[in-house]
């Protein structure tokens, strides 16, 4: 798969969301997640570029989490957001900050993942929050 193809980028985003979700479930234990990446447990085929990308997202996790907290209205708290939604937000904000793709494309992919992974979740929350991010 070409490293900049749409399928490759979607695969990378989805794998990252899964890893960040796991990070949230394991109480934000970064070292455990990094070790799994090094061991290659996460993927059927090892891709060093994806590993490096995910490791950078994991390293930026706390900064992105704080940015999300700043953007939340007074009626929302970080703890109230479902873990899968958090994982999608963290991955998407990382990509917007790094300018990997156009912001609209990143938001669209995030909304697709919300619909796929959390069908009961309203996409308006994710859309509104990601729209506030400056790249």
N, C-alpha and C. Protein backbone atom coordinates (compact mmCIF):
# COMPACT_ATOMS: atom_id res chain seq x y z
N UNK A 1 0.85 -1.17 0.00
CA UNK A 1 0.00 0.00 0.00
C UNK A 1 0.89 1.24 0.00
N UNK A 2 0.63 2.18 -0.90
CA UNK A 2 1.42 3.40 -0.97
C UNK A 2 1.25 4.22 0.30
N UNK A 3 2.35 4.82 0.74
CA UNK A 3 2.36 5.52 2.03
C UNK A 3 1.48 6.76 2.08
N UNK A 4 1.12 7.33 0.93
CA UNK A 4 0.27 8.52 0.94
C UNK A 4 -1.09 8.27 0.29
N UNK A 5 -1.40 7.03 0.02
CA UNK A 5 -2.70 6.73 -0.58
C UNK A 5 -3.80 6.96 0.46
N UNK A 6 -5.00 7.17 -0.03
CA UNK A 6 -6.14 7.40 0.87
C UNK A 6 -6.34 6.19 1.78
N UNK A 7 -6.24 5.00 1.23
CA UNK A 7 -6.42 3.79 2.04
C UNK A 7 -5.36 3.69 3.13
N UNK A 8 -4.12 4.03 2.81
CA UNK A 8 -3.04 3.99 3.79
C UNK A 8 -3.32 4.99 4.92
N UNK A 9 -3.71 6.21 4.56
CA UNK A 9 -3.98 7.24 5.56
C UNK A 9 -5.16 6.85 6.45
N UNK A 10 -6.20 6.27 5.84
CA UNK A 10 -7.35 5.81 6.64
C UNK A 10 -6.93 4.69 7.59
N UNK A 11 -6.12 3.77 7.08
CA UNK A 11 -5.64 2.66 7.92
C UNK A 11 -4.84 3.21 9.09
N UNK A 12 -3.95 4.17 8.81
CA UNK A 12 -3.12 4.77 9.85
C UNK A 12 -3.99 5.46 10.90
N UNK A 13 -4.99 6.22 10.46
CA UNK A 13 -5.88 6.91 11.41
C UNK A 13 -6.62 5.91 12.28
N UNK A 14 -7.16 4.88 11.66
CA UNK A 14 -7.95 3.89 12.40
C UNK A 14 -7.09 3.11 13.39
N UNK A 15 -5.90 2.74 12.98
CA UNK A 15 -4.99 2.05 13.91
C UNK A 15 -4.63 2.96 15.08
N UNK A 16 -4.41 4.23 14.78
CA UNK A 16 -4.07 5.18 15.83
C UNK A 16 -5.23 5.35 16.81
N UNK A 17 -6.44 5.46 16.29
CA UNK A 17 -7.62 5.57 17.16
C UNK A 17 -7.70 4.35 18.07
N UNK A 18 -7.46 3.17 17.51
CA UNK A 18 -7.52 1.95 18.32
C UNK A 18 -6.46 1.95 19.42
N UNK A 19 -5.26 2.41 19.09
CA UNK A 19 -4.18 2.47 20.09
C UNK A 19 -4.50 3.50 21.17
N UNK A 20 -4.98 4.67 20.78
CA UNK A 20 -5.33 5.71 21.76
C UNK A 20 -6.48 5.23 22.64
N UNK A 21 -7.43 4.53 22.05
CA UNK A 21 -8.54 3.96 22.83
C UNK A 21 -7.98 2.99 23.88
N UNK A 22 -7.05 2.17 23.45
CA UNK A 22 -6.42 1.22 24.38
C UNK A 22 -5.66 1.98 25.47
N UNK A 23 -4.99 3.05 25.11
CA UNK A 23 -4.28 3.89 26.07
C UNK A 23 -5.26 4.42 27.13
N UNK A 24 -6.42 4.85 26.69
CA UNK A 24 -7.43 5.37 27.62
C UNK A 24 -7.96 4.27 28.53
N UNK A 25 -8.17 3.09 27.98
CA UNK A 25 -8.68 1.97 28.78
C UNK A 25 -7.65 1.54 29.82
N UNK A 26 -6.38 1.54 29.44
CA UNK A 26 -5.32 1.14 30.36
C UNK A 26 -4.82 2.31 31.20
N UNK A 27 -5.72 3.25 31.45
CA UNK A 27 -5.44 4.36 32.36
C UNK A 27 -4.22 5.16 31.93
N UNK A 28 -4.12 5.39 30.64
CA UNK A 28 -3.09 6.26 30.06
C UNK A 28 -1.67 5.78 30.37
N UNK A 29 -1.46 4.47 30.34
CA UNK A 29 -0.14 3.90 30.56
C UNK A 29 0.64 3.90 29.24
N UNK A 30 1.35 5.00 28.99
CA UNK A 30 2.07 5.17 27.72
C UNK A 30 3.14 4.11 27.51
N UNK A 31 3.83 3.76 28.55
CA UNK A 31 4.94 2.80 28.40
C UNK A 31 4.43 1.43 27.95
N UNK A 32 3.29 1.02 28.45
CA UNK A 32 2.70 -0.26 28.03
C UNK A 32 2.39 -0.23 26.54
N UNK A 33 1.78 0.86 26.09
CA UNK A 33 1.41 1.00 24.68
C UNK A 33 2.66 1.05 23.81
N UNK A 34 3.66 1.82 24.22
CA UNK A 34 4.90 1.91 23.44
C UNK A 34 5.58 0.55 23.33
N UNK A 35 5.57 -0.20 24.41
CA UNK A 35 6.19 -1.53 24.37
C UNK A 35 5.45 -2.44 23.40
N UNK A 36 4.12 -2.37 23.40
CA UNK A 36 3.35 -3.17 22.44
C UNK A 36 3.70 -2.78 21.01
N UNK A 37 3.89 -1.50 20.77
CA UNK A 37 4.28 -1.06 19.42
C UNK A 37 5.63 -1.65 19.05
N UNK A 38 6.58 -1.57 19.97
CA UNK A 38 7.91 -2.12 19.72
C UNK A 38 7.85 -3.63 19.47
N UNK A 39 6.99 -4.30 20.20
CA UNK A 39 6.87 -5.75 20.05
C UNK A 39 6.11 -6.14 18.79
N UNK A 40 5.45 -5.17 18.16
CA UNK A 40 4.72 -5.45 16.93
C UNK A 40 3.43 -6.22 17.13
N UNK A 41 2.90 -6.20 18.35
CA UNK A 41 1.69 -6.95 18.66
C UNK A 41 0.46 -6.36 17.96
N UNK A 42 0.48 -5.08 17.72
CA UNK A 42 -0.71 -4.39 17.24
C UNK A 42 -1.11 -4.70 15.79
N UNK A 43 -0.16 -5.01 14.95
CA UNK A 43 -0.44 -5.04 13.52
C UNK A 43 -0.10 -6.38 12.91
N UNK A 44 -0.88 -6.75 11.90
CA UNK A 44 -0.60 -7.99 11.18
C UNK A 44 0.67 -7.86 10.35
N UNK A 45 0.95 -6.66 9.88
CA UNK A 45 2.19 -6.42 9.15
C UNK A 45 2.87 -5.20 9.75
N UNK A 46 4.12 -5.34 10.07
CA UNK A 46 4.87 -4.27 10.73
C UNK A 46 5.11 -3.12 9.74
N UNK A 47 4.81 -1.92 10.17
CA UNK A 47 5.04 -0.73 9.35
C UNK A 47 5.70 0.30 10.26
N UNK A 48 6.98 0.50 10.06
CA UNK A 48 7.75 1.38 10.93
C UNK A 48 7.23 2.82 10.90
N UNK A 49 6.78 3.28 9.73
CA UNK A 49 6.27 4.66 9.64
C UNK A 49 5.00 4.82 10.48
N UNK A 50 4.15 3.82 10.45
CA UNK A 50 2.93 3.89 11.28
C UNK A 50 3.31 3.83 12.76
N UNK A 51 4.27 2.98 13.11
CA UNK A 51 4.72 2.90 14.50
C UNK A 51 5.23 4.25 14.99
N UNK A 52 6.05 4.91 14.18
CA UNK A 52 6.62 6.22 14.54
C UNK A 52 5.50 7.25 14.69
N UNK A 53 4.57 7.22 13.75
CA UNK A 53 3.43 8.14 13.78
C UNK A 53 2.63 7.94 15.07
N UNK A 54 2.28 6.70 15.37
CA UNK A 54 1.48 6.41 16.57
C UNK A 54 2.24 6.77 17.84
N UNK A 55 3.52 6.48 17.86
CA UNK A 55 4.33 6.83 19.04
C UNK A 55 4.33 8.34 19.26
N UNK A 56 4.37 9.12 18.18
CA UNK A 56 4.33 10.57 18.31
C UNK A 56 2.97 11.03 18.84
N UNK A 57 1.89 10.41 18.35
CA UNK A 57 0.55 10.75 18.87
C UNK A 57 0.48 10.44 20.37
N UNK A 58 1.00 9.28 20.76
CA UNK A 58 1.01 8.89 22.18
C UNK A 58 1.82 9.91 22.99
N UNK A 59 2.97 10.34 22.45
CA UNK A 59 3.79 11.33 23.15
C UNK A 59 3.06 12.67 23.29
N UNK A 60 2.25 13.03 22.31
CA UNK A 60 1.52 14.30 22.32
C UNK A 60 0.18 14.22 23.06
N UNK A 61 -0.16 13.03 23.53
CA UNK A 61 -1.48 12.78 24.12
C UNK A 61 -1.86 13.81 25.19
N UNK A 62 -1.00 14.04 26.15
CA UNK A 62 -1.33 14.96 27.26
C UNK A 62 -1.57 16.37 26.76
N UNK A 63 -0.73 16.85 25.84
CA UNK A 63 -0.92 18.19 25.28
C UNK A 63 -2.25 18.31 24.55
N UNK A 64 -2.58 17.29 23.77
CA UNK A 64 -3.84 17.31 23.02
C UNK A 64 -5.02 17.22 23.99
N UNK A 65 -4.89 16.40 25.00
CA UNK A 65 -5.94 16.27 26.01
C UNK A 65 -6.22 17.62 26.66
N UNK A 66 -5.17 18.35 27.01
CA UNK A 66 -5.34 19.67 27.63
C UNK A 66 -5.99 20.65 26.66
N UNK A 67 -5.62 20.56 25.39
CA UNK A 67 -6.23 21.42 24.38
C UNK A 67 -7.73 21.14 24.28
N UNK A 68 -8.10 19.86 24.30
CA UNK A 68 -9.52 19.48 24.24
C UNK A 68 -10.24 20.04 25.46
N UNK A 69 -9.65 19.90 26.64
CA UNK A 69 -10.28 20.41 27.87
C UNK A 69 -10.54 21.91 27.78
N UNK A 70 -9.58 22.65 27.19
CA UNK A 70 -9.74 24.09 27.02
C UNK A 70 -10.91 24.44 26.10
N UNK A 71 -11.15 23.59 25.11
CA UNK A 71 -12.19 23.85 24.11
C UNK A 71 -13.59 23.42 24.56
N UNK A 72 -13.66 22.62 25.60
CA UNK A 72 -14.96 22.13 26.07
C UNK A 72 -15.75 23.25 26.72
N UNK A 73 -17.05 23.23 26.51
CA UNK A 73 -17.91 24.21 27.17
C UNK A 73 -17.98 23.88 28.66
N UNK A 74 -18.54 24.78 29.41
CA UNK A 74 -18.60 24.57 30.87
C UNK A 74 -19.50 23.39 31.24
N UNK A 75 -20.37 22.97 30.34
CA UNK A 75 -21.26 21.84 30.64
C UNK A 75 -20.62 20.49 30.33
N UNK A 76 -19.47 20.50 29.68
CA UNK A 76 -18.79 19.24 29.34
C UNK A 76 -17.48 19.12 30.11
N UNK A 77 -17.17 17.92 30.49
CA UNK A 77 -15.90 17.60 31.15
C UNK A 77 -15.24 16.46 30.38
N UNK A 78 -13.92 16.41 30.40
CA UNK A 78 -13.16 15.35 29.73
C UNK A 78 -13.67 13.97 30.15
N UNK A 79 -13.90 13.80 31.43
CA UNK A 79 -14.31 12.51 31.97
C UNK A 79 -15.67 12.05 31.42
N UNK A 80 -16.47 12.97 30.98
CA UNK A 80 -17.81 12.66 30.47
C UNK A 80 -17.79 12.14 29.02
N UNK A 81 -16.73 12.42 28.30
CA UNK A 81 -16.64 12.03 26.89
C UNK A 81 -16.33 10.53 26.81
N UNK A 82 -17.05 9.79 25.98
CA UNK A 82 -16.74 8.35 25.82
C UNK A 82 -15.31 8.15 25.30
N UNK A 83 -14.65 7.09 25.76
CA UNK A 83 -13.26 6.85 25.39
C UNK A 83 -13.03 6.78 23.89
N UNK A 84 -13.93 6.17 23.15
CA UNK A 84 -13.74 6.09 21.70
C UNK A 84 -13.80 7.48 21.07
N UNK A 85 -14.69 8.31 21.57
CA UNK A 85 -14.77 9.69 21.07
C UNK A 85 -13.48 10.44 21.40
N UNK A 86 -12.97 10.24 22.60
CA UNK A 86 -11.69 10.86 22.98
C UNK A 86 -10.58 10.43 22.02
N UNK A 87 -10.53 9.14 21.72
CA UNK A 87 -9.49 8.60 20.84
C UNK A 87 -9.59 9.22 19.44
N UNK A 88 -10.80 9.36 18.95
CA UNK A 88 -11.00 9.97 17.63
C UNK A 88 -10.59 11.44 17.67
N UNK A 89 -10.96 12.14 18.72
CA UNK A 89 -10.59 13.56 18.86
C UNK A 89 -9.08 13.74 18.94
N UNK A 90 -8.42 12.94 19.76
CA UNK A 90 -6.96 13.05 19.93
C UNK A 90 -6.26 12.83 18.59
N UNK A 91 -6.63 11.77 17.90
CA UNK A 91 -6.01 11.45 16.61
C UNK A 91 -6.26 12.56 15.60
N UNK A 92 -7.48 13.05 15.54
CA UNK A 92 -7.83 14.08 14.56
C UNK A 92 -7.13 15.40 14.85
N UNK A 93 -7.08 15.79 16.12
CA UNK A 93 -6.41 17.04 16.48
C UNK A 93 -4.92 16.94 16.19
N UNK A 94 -4.33 15.79 16.46
CA UNK A 94 -2.92 15.59 16.12
C UNK A 94 -2.71 15.84 14.63
N UNK A 95 -3.56 15.25 13.80
CA UNK A 95 -3.41 15.40 12.35
C UNK A 95 -3.64 16.83 11.90
N UNK A 96 -4.62 17.50 12.50
CA UNK A 96 -4.86 18.91 12.14
C UNK A 96 -3.64 19.75 12.51
N UNK A 97 -3.10 19.53 13.72
CA UNK A 97 -1.93 20.30 14.17
C UNK A 97 -0.71 20.06 13.29
N UNK A 98 -0.55 18.83 12.81
CA UNK A 98 0.62 18.49 11.99
C UNK A 98 0.38 18.79 10.51
N UNK A 99 -0.84 19.21 10.17
CA UNK A 99 -1.18 19.58 8.80
C UNK A 99 -0.93 18.43 7.81
N UNK A 100 -1.34 17.21 8.21
CA UNK A 100 -1.14 16.03 7.35
C UNK A 100 -2.08 16.03 6.15
N UNK A 101 -3.26 16.55 6.33
CA UNK A 101 -4.27 16.62 5.26
C UNK A 101 -5.06 17.90 5.49
N UNK A 102 -5.95 18.18 4.56
CA UNK A 102 -6.82 19.33 4.75
C UNK A 102 -7.71 19.08 5.97
N UNK A 103 -7.95 20.13 6.71
CA UNK A 103 -8.75 20.03 7.93
C UNK A 103 -10.12 19.40 7.65
N UNK A 104 -10.76 19.79 6.56
CA UNK A 104 -12.09 19.27 6.23
C UNK A 104 -12.05 17.76 6.01
N UNK A 105 -10.98 17.26 5.41
CA UNK A 105 -10.84 15.82 5.17
C UNK A 105 -10.67 15.08 6.50
N UNK A 106 -9.85 15.64 7.38
CA UNK A 106 -9.62 15.02 8.69
C UNK A 106 -10.92 14.98 9.49
N UNK A 107 -11.66 16.08 9.48
CA UNK A 107 -12.94 16.13 10.21
C UNK A 107 -13.92 15.13 9.61
N UNK A 108 -13.99 15.06 8.29
CA UNK A 108 -14.90 14.11 7.64
C UNK A 108 -14.57 12.67 8.04
N UNK A 109 -13.29 12.33 8.05
CA UNK A 109 -12.88 10.98 8.44
C UNK A 109 -13.22 10.72 9.91
N UNK A 110 -13.05 11.74 10.76
CA UNK A 110 -13.40 11.59 12.18
C UNK A 110 -14.89 11.31 12.33
N UNK A 111 -15.70 12.03 11.59
CA UNK A 111 -17.15 11.83 11.67
C UNK A 111 -17.54 10.45 11.16
N UNK A 112 -16.86 9.97 10.13
CA UNK A 112 -17.11 8.61 9.64
C UNK A 112 -16.79 7.58 10.72
N UNK A 113 -15.67 7.79 11.42
CA UNK A 113 -15.30 6.85 12.48
C UNK A 113 -16.31 6.88 13.63
N UNK A 114 -16.80 8.08 13.98
CA UNK A 114 -17.81 8.17 15.03
C UNK A 114 -19.04 7.37 14.62
N UNK A 115 -19.49 7.56 13.39
CA UNK A 115 -20.67 6.82 12.91
C UNK A 115 -20.44 5.31 12.91
N UNK A 116 -19.21 4.91 12.58
CA UNK A 116 -18.89 3.49 12.50
C UNK A 116 -18.70 2.86 13.88
N UNK A 117 -17.91 3.51 14.74
CA UNK A 117 -17.55 2.93 16.03
C UNK A 117 -18.57 3.19 17.13
N UNK A 118 -19.28 4.32 17.05
CA UNK A 118 -20.24 4.70 18.09
C UNK A 118 -21.52 5.19 17.43
N UNK A 119 -22.30 4.30 16.87
CA UNK A 119 -23.50 4.73 16.13
C UNK A 119 -24.48 5.58 16.93
N UNK A 120 -24.50 5.41 18.24
CA UNK A 120 -25.43 6.18 19.08
C UNK A 120 -24.92 7.60 19.37
N UNK A 121 -23.66 7.87 19.08
CA UNK A 121 -23.05 9.17 19.38
C UNK A 121 -23.46 10.21 18.33
N UNK A 122 -23.73 11.41 18.77
CA UNK A 122 -24.06 12.50 17.88
C UNK A 122 -22.76 13.09 17.32
N UNK A 123 -22.66 13.20 16.03
CA UNK A 123 -21.43 13.70 15.40
C UNK A 123 -21.26 15.20 15.56
N UNK A 124 -22.32 15.91 15.94
CA UNK A 124 -22.24 17.37 16.06
C UNK A 124 -21.20 17.80 17.09
N UNK A 125 -21.09 17.06 18.19
CA UNK A 125 -20.11 17.39 19.23
C UNK A 125 -18.69 17.32 18.67
N UNK A 126 -18.37 16.21 18.00
CA UNK A 126 -17.03 16.02 17.43
C UNK A 126 -16.77 17.06 16.35
N UNK A 127 -17.74 17.28 15.48
CA UNK A 127 -17.60 18.25 14.40
C UNK A 127 -17.34 19.64 14.97
N UNK A 128 -18.12 20.05 15.95
CA UNK A 128 -17.97 21.37 16.55
C UNK A 128 -16.63 21.56 17.23
N UNK A 129 -16.19 20.56 17.96
CA UNK A 129 -14.92 20.66 18.67
C UNK A 129 -13.74 20.72 17.69
N UNK A 130 -13.75 19.84 16.68
CA UNK A 130 -12.65 19.82 15.71
C UNK A 130 -12.63 21.10 14.88
N UNK A 131 -13.79 21.67 14.64
CA UNK A 131 -13.86 22.90 13.86
C UNK A 131 -13.19 24.07 14.59
N UNK A 132 -13.12 24.00 15.92
CA UNK A 132 -12.49 25.05 16.72
C UNK A 132 -10.95 25.00 16.66
N UNK A 133 -10.40 23.91 16.18
CA UNK A 133 -8.94 23.73 16.17
C UNK A 133 -8.32 24.57 15.06
N UNK A 134 -7.29 25.33 15.42
CA UNK A 134 -6.53 26.09 14.43
C UNK A 134 -5.34 25.26 14.01
N UNK A 135 -5.10 25.19 12.70
CA UNK A 135 -3.91 24.44 12.26
C UNK A 135 -2.82 25.35 11.81
